Amino acid sequence: METPHFDHLTAQDYEHVYEPAEDSFLLLDALEADLPFLNVLQPRLCVEIGSGSGIIITALSKQLANTSLCLATDINLKACDATRRTARHNEARVDSLRCNLADVLRKRSVDVLLFNPPYVVTSDEELQCQMFAGGSNPSTERNLVYSWAGGKDGRRVTDTLLQQLDDILSPLGVLYLLLLRENKPDEIIKRLEGLNFKAVKFMERRIPGEYLYILKVTRMPS
């Protein structure tokens, strides 16, 4: 899977949007490693939540161009714009929507869900509130804390998504979720089992100062 070009993004963009880093490239590597599974799945709808620069969903769109509609969501309007620009720059077809998580999507419609969440352990005061009630929210666009601060155990946003996962994934859908060791991935796997999902550590990598995992999550066989 080819890493999309993102040289069109500038230092000014990165004042508002998360810059691609080692966690981004781990998620790309995991998707490339699982292409045989994805090609058999033939997903109709692929969604990245919190797309930031847009390189992940753009790469997947180019790989699955003949079978899939690719969407990105982000609460940050600047990130939505960056994602559209990255897709255009790489001649990929991606639609980008400003919303919280998957709130605007039809229930149980997502075949492939990608999420590199805000995972750094912080105080809840630093996290603040990631929801918005529509209209302009300039603080979200200006403040990169929303792209990395994860609150208690680095899991405030992740736990919210997992609680909604049954309403998001299609019957054969799959979630690729990036986690930090401090997010307690084994605990998350057990929680997902209680929600009737199977989760495995699909890929992991040590980088300076962090140890990262990609969880692959599917529904339990009925």
C-alpha atoms as a PDB file:
ATOM      1  CA  MET A   1       0.000   0.000   0.000  1.00  0.00           C
ATOM      2  CA  GLU A   2       1.534   3.268  -1.123  1.00  0.00           C
ATOM      3  CA  THR A   3       1.936   6.031   1.450  1.00  0.00           C
ATOM      4  CA  PRO A   4       0.091   9.081   0.091  1.00  0.00           C
ATOM      5  CA  HIS A   5       2.025  12.237  -0.672  1.00  0.00           C
ATOM      6  CA  PHE A   6       1.413  14.965   1.897  1.00  0.00           C
ATOM      7  CA  ASP A   7       3.977  17.559   0.837  1.00  0.00           C
ATOM      8  CA  HIS A   8       1.117  19.940   0.014  1.00  0.00           C
ATOM      9  CA  LEU A   9       0.469  20.386   3.766  1.00  0.00           C
ATOM     10  CA  THR A  10       2.418  23.180   5.410  1.00  0.00           C
ATOM     11  CA  ALA A  11       3.631  24.184   8.844  1.00  0.00           C
ATOM     12  CA  GLN A  12       0.568  26.417   9.032  1.00  0.00           C
ATOM     13  CA  ASP A  13      -1.682  23.396   8.467  1.00  0.00           C
ATOM     14  CA  TYR A  14       0.066  21.545  11.277  1.00  0.00           C
ATOM     15  CA  GLU A  15      -0.825  24.324  13.682  1.00  0.00           C
ATOM     16  CA  HIS A  16      -4.382  22.981  13.419  1.00  0.00           C
ATOM     17  CA  VAL A  17      -4.077  19.377  12.189  1.00  0.00           C
ATOM     18  CA  TYR A  18      -2.166  16.381  13.531  1.00  0.00           C
ATOM     19  CA  GLU A  19       0.975  15.804  11.468  1.00  0.00           C
ATOM     20  CA  PRO A  20       1.535  12.223  10.190  1.00  0.00           C
ATOM     21  CA  ALA A  21       3.868  10.409  12.567  1.00  0.00           C
ATOM     22  CA  GLU A  22       4.958   6.896  13.583  1.00  0.00           C
ATOM     23  CA  ASP A  23       1.467   5.974  14.769  1.00  0.00           C
ATOM     24  CA  SER A  24       0.041   6.949  11.384  1.00  0.00           C
ATOM     25  CA  PHE A  25       2.580   4.797   9.574  1.00  0.00           C
ATOM     26  CA  LEU A  26       1.900   1.811  11.860  1.00  0.00           C
ATOM     27  CA  LEU A  27      -1.777   1.963  10.940  1.00  0.00           C
ATOM     28  CA  LEU A  28      -0.855   2.128   7.250  1.00  0.00           C
ATOM     29  CA  ASP A  29       1.414  -0.905   7.675  1.00  0.00           C
ATOM     30  CA  ALA A  30      -1.346  -2.840   9.417  1.00  0.00           C
ATOM     31  CA  LEU A  31      -3.795  -2.153   6.602  1.00  0.00           C
ATOM     32  CA  GLU A  32      -1.224  -3.208   4.030  1.00  0.00           C
ATOM     33  CA  ALA A  33      -0.575  -6.449   5.921  1.00  0.00           C
ATOM     34  CA  ASP A  34      -4.298  -7.202   6.026  1.00  0.00           C
ATOM     35  CA  LEU A  35      -5.045  -6.443   2.375  1.00  0.00           C
ATOM     36  CA  PRO A  36      -5.833 -10.104   1.598  1.00  0.00           C
ATOM     37  CA  PHE A  37      -8.606  -9.986   4.217  1.00  0.00           C
ATOM     38  CA  LEU A  38      -9.893  -6.637   2.953  1.00  0.00           C
ATOM     39  CA  ASN A  39      -9.913  -7.785  -0.651  1.00  0.00           C
ATOM     40  CA  VAL A  40     -12.066 -10.781   0.302  1.00  0.00           C
ATOM     41  CA  LEU A  41     -14.326  -8.570   2.429  1.00  0.00           C
ATOM     42  CA  GLN A  42     -14.913  -6.175  -0.492  1.00  0.00           C
ATOM     43  CA  PRO A  43     -16.168  -3.387   1.787  1.00  0.00           C
ATOM     44  CA  ARG A  44     -18.803  -1.023   0.468  1.00  0.00           C
ATOM     45  CA  LEU A  45     -18.217   1.700   3.067  1.00  0.00           C
ATOM     46  CA  CYS A  46     -14.878   2.542   4.718  1.00  0.00           C
ATOM     47  CA  VAL A  47     -14.737   5.279   7.352  1.00  0.00           C
ATOM     48  CA  GLU A  48     -11.867   6.909   9.203  1.00  0.00           C
ATOM     49  CA  ILE A  49     -12.805   8.729  12.391  1.00  0.00           C
ATOM     50  CA  GLY A  50     -10.567  11.669  13.223  1.00  0.00           C
ATOM     51  CA  SER A  51      -8.830  11.710   9.854  1.00  0.00           C
ATOM     52  CA  GLY A  52      -6.486  14.650  10.537  1.00  0.00           C
ATOM     53  CA  SER A  53      -4.226  15.006   7.495  1.00  0.00           C
ATOM     54  CA  GLY A  54      -6.192  12.334   5.631  1.00  0.00           C
ATOM     55  CA  ILE A  55      -3.286  10.074   4.680  1.00  0.00           C
ATOM     56  CA  ILE A  56      -4.839   6.872   6.088  1.00  0.00           C
ATOM     57  CA  ILE A  57      -8.233   7.040   4.380  1.00  0.00           C
ATOM     58  CA  THR A  58      -6.578   8.321   1.194  1.00  0.00           C
ATOM     59  CA  ALA A  59      -4.279   5.294   1.076  1.00  0.00           C
ATOM     60  CA  LEU A  60      -7.197   2.927   1.618  1.00  0.00           C
ATOM     61  CA  SER A  61      -9.296   4.697  -0.999  1.00  0.00           C
ATOM     62  CA  LYS A  62      -6.606   4.264  -3.634  1.00  0.00           C
ATOM     63  CA  GLN A  63      -6.289   0.583  -2.764  1.00  0.00           C
ATOM     64  CA  LEU A  64     -10.040  -0.141  -2.796  1.00  0.00           C
ATOM     65  CA  ALA A  65     -11.088   2.369  -5.444  1.00  0.00           C
ATOM     66  CA  ASN A  66     -13.147  -0.119  -7.444  1.00  0.00           C
ATOM     67  CA  THR A  67     -15.255  -1.457  -4.587  1.00  0.00           C
ATOM     68  CA  SER A  68     -15.564   1.073  -1.767  1.00  0.00           C
ATOM     69  CA  LEU A  69     -16.933   4.450  -0.803  1.00  0.00           C
ATOM     70  CA  CYS A  70     -14.434   6.082   1.562  1.00  0.00           C
ATOM     71  CA  LEU A  71     -15.518   8.687   4.117  1.00  0.00           C
ATOM     72  CA  ALA A  72     -13.664  10.619   6.787  1.00  0.00           C
ATOM     73  CA  THR A  73     -15.096  12.341   9.860  1.00  0.00           C
ATOM     74  CA  ASP A  74     -13.489  14.882  12.157  1.00  0.00           C
ATOM     75  CA  ILE A  75     -14.754  17.466  14.627  1.00  0.00           C
ATOM     76  CA  ASN A  76     -12.081  19.852  13.336  1.00  0.00           C
ATOM     77  CA  LEU A  77     -13.111  21.745  10.206  1.00  0.00           C
ATOM     78  CA  LYS A  78      -9.441  22.310   9.333  1.00  0.00           C
ATOM     79  CA  ALA A  79      -8.859  18.554   9.405  1.00  0.00           C
ATOM     80  CA  CYS A  80     -11.841  17.975   7.112  1.00  0.00           C
ATOM     81  CA  ASP A  81     -10.322  20.430   4.654  1.00  0.00           C
ATOM     82  CA  ALA A  82      -6.847  18.865   4.941  1.00  0.00           C
ATOM     83  CA  THR A  83      -8.302  15.421   4.275  1.00  0.00           C
ATOM     84  CA  ARG A  84     -10.062  16.619   1.119  1.00  0.00           C
ATOM     85  CA  ARG A  85      -6.860  18.279  -0.088  1.00  0.00           C
ATOM     86  CA  THR A  86      -4.784  15.167   0.576  1.00  0.00           C
ATOM     87  CA  ALA A  87      -7.259  13.041  -1.359  1.00  0.00           C
ATOM     88  CA  ARG A  88      -7.210  15.449  -4.314  1.00  0.00           C
ATOM     89  CA  HIS A  89      -3.414  15.676  -4.210  1.00  0.00           C
ATOM     90  CA  ASN A  90      -3.236  11.886  -4.535  1.00  0.00           C
ATOM     91  CA  GLU A  91      -6.097  11.555  -7.042  1.00  0.00           C
ATOM     92  CA  ALA A  92      -8.206   9.593  -4.571  1.00  0.00           C
ATOM     93  CA  ARG A  93     -11.948   9.763  -3.932  1.00  0.00           C
ATOM     94  CA  VAL A  94     -12.694  10.621  -0.305  1.00  0.00           C
ATOM     95  CA  ASP A  95     -15.616  12.541   1.181  1.00  0.00           C
ATOM     96  CA  SER A  96     -15.010  14.350   4.477  1.00  0.00           C
ATOM     97  CA  LEU A  97     -17.705  15.211   7.011  1.00  0.00           C
ATOM     98  CA  ARG A  98     -17.527  17.404  10.077  1.00  0.00           C
ATOM     99  CA  CYS A  99     -19.143  15.475  12.906  1.00  0.00           C
ATOM    100  CA  ASN A 100     -18.417  13.744  16.200  1.00  0.00           C
ATOM    101  CA  LEU A 101     -17.276  10.123  15.762  1.00  0.00           C
ATOM    102  CA  ALA A 102     -19.851   8.398  13.504  1.00  0.00           C
ATOM    103  CA  ASP A 103     -22.919  10.360  14.609  1.00  0.00           C
ATOM    104  CA  VAL A 104     -24.214  11.171  11.115  1.00  0.00           C
ATOM    105  CA  LEU A 105     -23.801   7.696   9.611  1.00  0.00           C
ATOM    106  CA  ARG A 106     -26.558   5.161   9.092  1.00  0.00           C
ATOM    107  CA  LYS A 107     -26.574   2.450  11.760  1.00  0.00           C
ATOM    108  CA  ARG A 108     -24.588  -0.722  11.109  1.00  0.00           C
ATOM    109  CA  SER A 109     -23.390   0.498   7.731  1.00  0.00           C
ATOM    110  CA  VAL A 110     -19.595   0.657   8.127  1.00  0.00           C
ATOM    111  CA  ASP A 111     -17.622  -2.269   6.742  1.00  0.00           C
ATOM    112  CA  VAL A 112     -14.143  -0.933   7.588  1.00  0.00           C
ATOM    113  CA  LEU A 113     -13.650   1.514  10.454  1.00  0.00           C
ATOM    114  CA  LEU A 114     -10.281   3.169  11.154  1.00  0.00           C
ATOM    115  CA  PHE A 115      -9.495   5.062  14.343  1.00  0.00           C
ATOM    116  CA  ASN A 116      -6.233   6.572  15.558  1.00  0.00           C
ATOM    117  CA  PRO A 117      -7.754   8.208  18.643  1.00  0.00           C
ATOM    118  CA  PRO A 118      -6.434  10.794  21.066  1.00  0.00           C
ATOM    119  CA  TYR A 119      -4.590   8.239  23.230  1.00  0.00           C
ATOM    120  CA  VAL A 120      -2.112  10.141  25.408  1.00  0.00           C
ATOM    121  CA  VAL A 121      -2.905   9.803  29.131  1.00  0.00           C
ATOM    122  CA  THR A 122      -3.860  13.255  30.461  1.00  0.00           C
ATOM    123  CA  SER A 123      -6.072  14.830  33.071  1.00  0.00           C
ATOM    124  CA  ASP A 124      -9.720  15.155  32.118  1.00  0.00           C
ATOM    125  CA  GLU A 125      -9.350  18.914  32.500  1.00  0.00           C
ATOM    126  CA  GLU A 126      -6.786  18.878  29.703  1.00  0.00           C
ATOM    127  CA  LEU A 127      -9.041  16.773  27.534  1.00  0.00           C
ATOM    128  CA  GLN A 128     -12.049  19.097  28.021  1.00  0.00           C
ATOM    129  CA  CYS A 129     -15.054  18.228  25.855  1.00  0.00           C
ATOM    130  CA  GLN A 130     -14.801  16.734  22.350  1.00  0.00           C
ATOM    131  CA  MET A 131     -18.479  17.003  21.544  1.00  0.00           C
ATOM    132  CA  PHE A 132     -19.957  20.027  19.831  1.00  0.00           C
ATOM    133  CA  ALA A 133     -23.502  21.140  19.227  1.00  0.00           C
ATOM    134  CA  GLY A 134     -23.133  22.390  15.669  1.00  0.00           C
ATOM    135  CA  GLY A 135     -22.127  25.782  14.347  1.00  0.00           C
ATOM    136  CA  SER A 136     -18.690  27.334  14.617  1.00  0.00           C
ATOM    137  CA  ASN A 137     -16.179  25.985  17.132  1.00  0.00           C
ATOM    138  CA  PRO A 138     -12.917  27.845  16.517  1.00  0.00           C
ATOM    139  CA  SER A 139     -11.227  26.453  19.628  1.00  0.00           C
ATOM    140  CA  THR A 140     -11.386  22.960  18.148  1.00  0.00           C
ATOM    141  CA  GLU A 141      -9.688  24.190  14.989  1.00  0.00           C
ATOM    142  CA  ARG A 142      -6.921  26.034  16.828  1.00  0.00           C
ATOM    143  CA  ASN A 143      -6.081  23.623  19.633  1.00  0.00           C
ATOM    144  CA  LEU A 144      -4.155  20.439  18.816  1.00  0.00           C
ATOM    145  CA  VAL A 145      -4.912  19.075  22.287  1.00  0.00           C
ATOM    146  CA  TYR A 146      -8.043  17.528  20.764  1.00  0.00           C
ATOM    147  CA  SER A 147      -5.933  15.333  18.486  1.00  0.00           C
ATOM    148  CA  TRP A 148      -3.809  13.701  21.199  1.00  0.00           C
ATOM    149  CA  ALA A 149      -5.153  14.240  24.746  1.00  0.00           C
ATOM    150  CA  GLY A 150      -7.008  11.101  25.801  1.00  0.00           C
ATOM    151  CA  GLY A 151      -8.025  11.823  29.397  1.00  0.00           C
ATOM    152  CA  LYS A 152      -7.988   9.078  32.042  1.00  0.00           C
ATOM    153  CA  ASP A 153      -5.985   6.066  30.774  1.00  0.00           C
ATOM    154  CA  GLY A 154      -5.926   7.880  27.411  1.00  0.00           C
ATOM    155  CA  ARG A 155      -9.284   6.276  26.662  1.00  0.00           C
ATOM    156  CA  ARG A 156     -12.094   8.778  27.106  1.00  0.00           C
ATOM    157  CA  VAL A 157     -12.838   9.043  23.391  1.00  0.00           C
ATOM    158  CA  THR A 158     -11.961   5.415  22.657  1.00  0.00           C
ATOM    159  CA  ASP A 159     -14.338   4.129  25.338  1.00  0.00           C
ATOM    160  CA  THR A 160     -17.129   6.287  23.917  1.00  0.00           C
ATOM    161  CA  LEU A 161     -16.595   4.809  20.464  1.00  0.00           C
ATOM    162  CA  LEU A 162     -16.502   1.229  21.751  1.00  0.00           C
ATOM    163  CA  GLN A 163     -19.832   1.744  23.466  1.00  0.00           C
ATOM    164  CA  GLN A 164     -21.287   2.798  20.097  1.00  0.00           C
ATOM    165  CA  LEU A 165     -19.519   0.131  18.038  1.00  0.00           C
ATOM    166  CA  ASP A 166     -22.480  -2.236  17.757  1.00  0.00           C
ATOM    167  CA  ASP A 167     -24.463   0.560  16.089  1.00  0.00           C
ATOM    168  CA  ILE A 168     -21.606   1.458  13.721  1.00  0.00           C
ATOM    169  CA  LEU A 169     -20.151  -1.742  12.270  1.00  0.00           C
ATOM    170  CA  SER A 170     -21.977  -3.724   9.615  1.00  0.00           C
ATOM    171  CA  PRO A 171     -22.562  -7.441  10.344  1.00  0.00           C
ATOM    172  CA  LEU A 172     -19.198  -8.351   8.777  1.00  0.00           C
ATOM    173  CA  GLY A 173     -17.489  -5.063   9.655  1.00  0.00           C
ATOM    174  CA  VAL A 174     -13.994  -4.639  11.085  1.00  0.00           C
ATOM    175  CA  LEU A 175     -12.391  -1.935  13.234  1.00  0.00           C
ATOM    176  CA  TYR A 176      -8.669  -1.180  13.178  1.00  0.00           C
ATOM    177  CA  LEU A 177      -7.907   0.684  16.401  1.00  0.00           C
ATOM    178  CA  LEU A 178      -4.557   2.195  17.373  1.00  0.00           C
ATOM    179  CA  LEU A 179      -3.638   2.070  21.063  1.00  0.00           C
ATOM    180  CA  LEU A 180      -0.790   2.949  23.385  1.00  0.00           C
ATOM    181  CA  ARG A 181       0.404   0.420  25.989  1.00  0.00           C
ATOM    182  CA  GLU A 182      -0.794   2.828  28.704  1.00  0.00           C
ATOM    183  CA  ASN A 183      -4.334   2.532  27.279  1.00  0.00           C
ATOM    184  CA  LYS A 184      -4.395  -1.047  28.715  1.00  0.00           C
ATOM    185  CA  PRO A 185      -5.163  -2.938  25.494  1.00  0.00           C
ATOM    186  CA  ASP A 186      -5.752  -6.255  27.310  1.00  0.00           C
ATOM    187  CA  GLU A 187      -8.467  -4.568  29.356  1.00  0.00           C
ATOM    188  CA  ILE A 188     -10.011  -3.176  26.174  1.00  0.00           C
ATOM    189  CA  ILE A 189      -9.986  -6.649  24.586  1.00  0.00           C
ATOM    190  CA  LYS A 190     -11.881  -8.067  27.562  1.00  0.00           C
ATOM    191  CA  ARG A 191     -14.357  -5.204  27.463  1.00  0.00           C
ATOM    192  CA  LEU A 192     -14.973  -5.824  23.778  1.00  0.00           C
ATOM    193  CA  GLU A 193     -15.621  -9.506  24.501  1.00  0.00           C
ATOM    194  CA  GLY A 194     -18.376  -8.387  26.862  1.00  0.00           C
ATOM    195  CA  LEU A 195     -19.832  -6.377  23.972  1.00  0.00           C
ATOM    196  CA  ASN A 196     -19.760  -9.480  21.704  1.00  0.00           C
ATOM    197  CA  PHE A 197     -16.697  -8.448  19.734  1.00  0.00           C
ATOM    198  CA  LYS A 198     -13.477 -10.352  19.131  1.00  0.00           C
ATOM    199  CA  ALA A 199     -10.304  -8.253  19.314  1.00  0.00           C
ATOM    200  CA  VAL A 200      -6.733  -9.336  18.579  1.00  0.00           C
ATOM    201  CA  LYS A 201      -3.413  -7.520  18.693  1.00  0.00           C
ATOM    202  CA  PHE A 202      -2.847  -7.472  14.958  1.00  0.00           C
ATOM    203  CA  MET A 203       0.395  -5.468  14.910  1.00  0.00           C
ATOM    204  CA  GLU A 204       2.616  -3.750  17.453  1.00  0.00           C
ATOM    205  CA  ARG A 205       5.679  -1.544  17.380  1.00  0.00           C
ATOM    206  CA  ARG A 206       8.056   0.151  19.774  1.00  0.00           C
ATOM    207  CA  ILE A 207       8.890   3.741  18.895  1.00  0.00           C
ATOM    208  CA  PRO A 208      10.905   6.262  20.921  1.00  0.00           C
ATOM    209  CA  GLY A 209       9.030   6.806  24.171  1.00  0.00           C
ATOM    210  CA  GLU A 210       5.967   4.711  23.248  1.00  0.00           C
ATOM    211  CA  TYR A 211       4.779   1.184  22.527  1.00  0.00           C
ATOM    212  CA  LEU A 212       1.902   1.034  20.052  1.00  0.00           C
ATOM    213  CA  TYR A 213      -0.658  -1.606  19.094  1.00  0.00           C
ATOM    214  CA  ILE A 214      -3.190  -2.064  16.329  1.00  0.00           C
ATOM    215  CA  LEU A 215      -6.261  -3.969  17.483  1.00  0.00           C
ATOM    216  CA  LYS A 216      -8.328  -5.715  14.843  1.00  0.00           C
ATOM    217  CA  VAL A 217     -11.925  -5.950  16.038  1.00  0.00           C
ATOM    218  CA  THR A 218     -14.742  -8.022  14.500  1.00  0.00           C
ATOM    219  CA  ARG A 219     -18.103  -9.293  15.694  1.00  0.00           C
ATOM    220  CA  MET A 220     -18.275 -12.574  17.569  1.00  0.00           C
ATOM    221  CA  PRO A 221     -19.709 -15.396  15.429  1.00  0.00           C
ATOM    222  CA  SER A 222     -23.410 -15.731  16.154  1.00  0.00           C
END
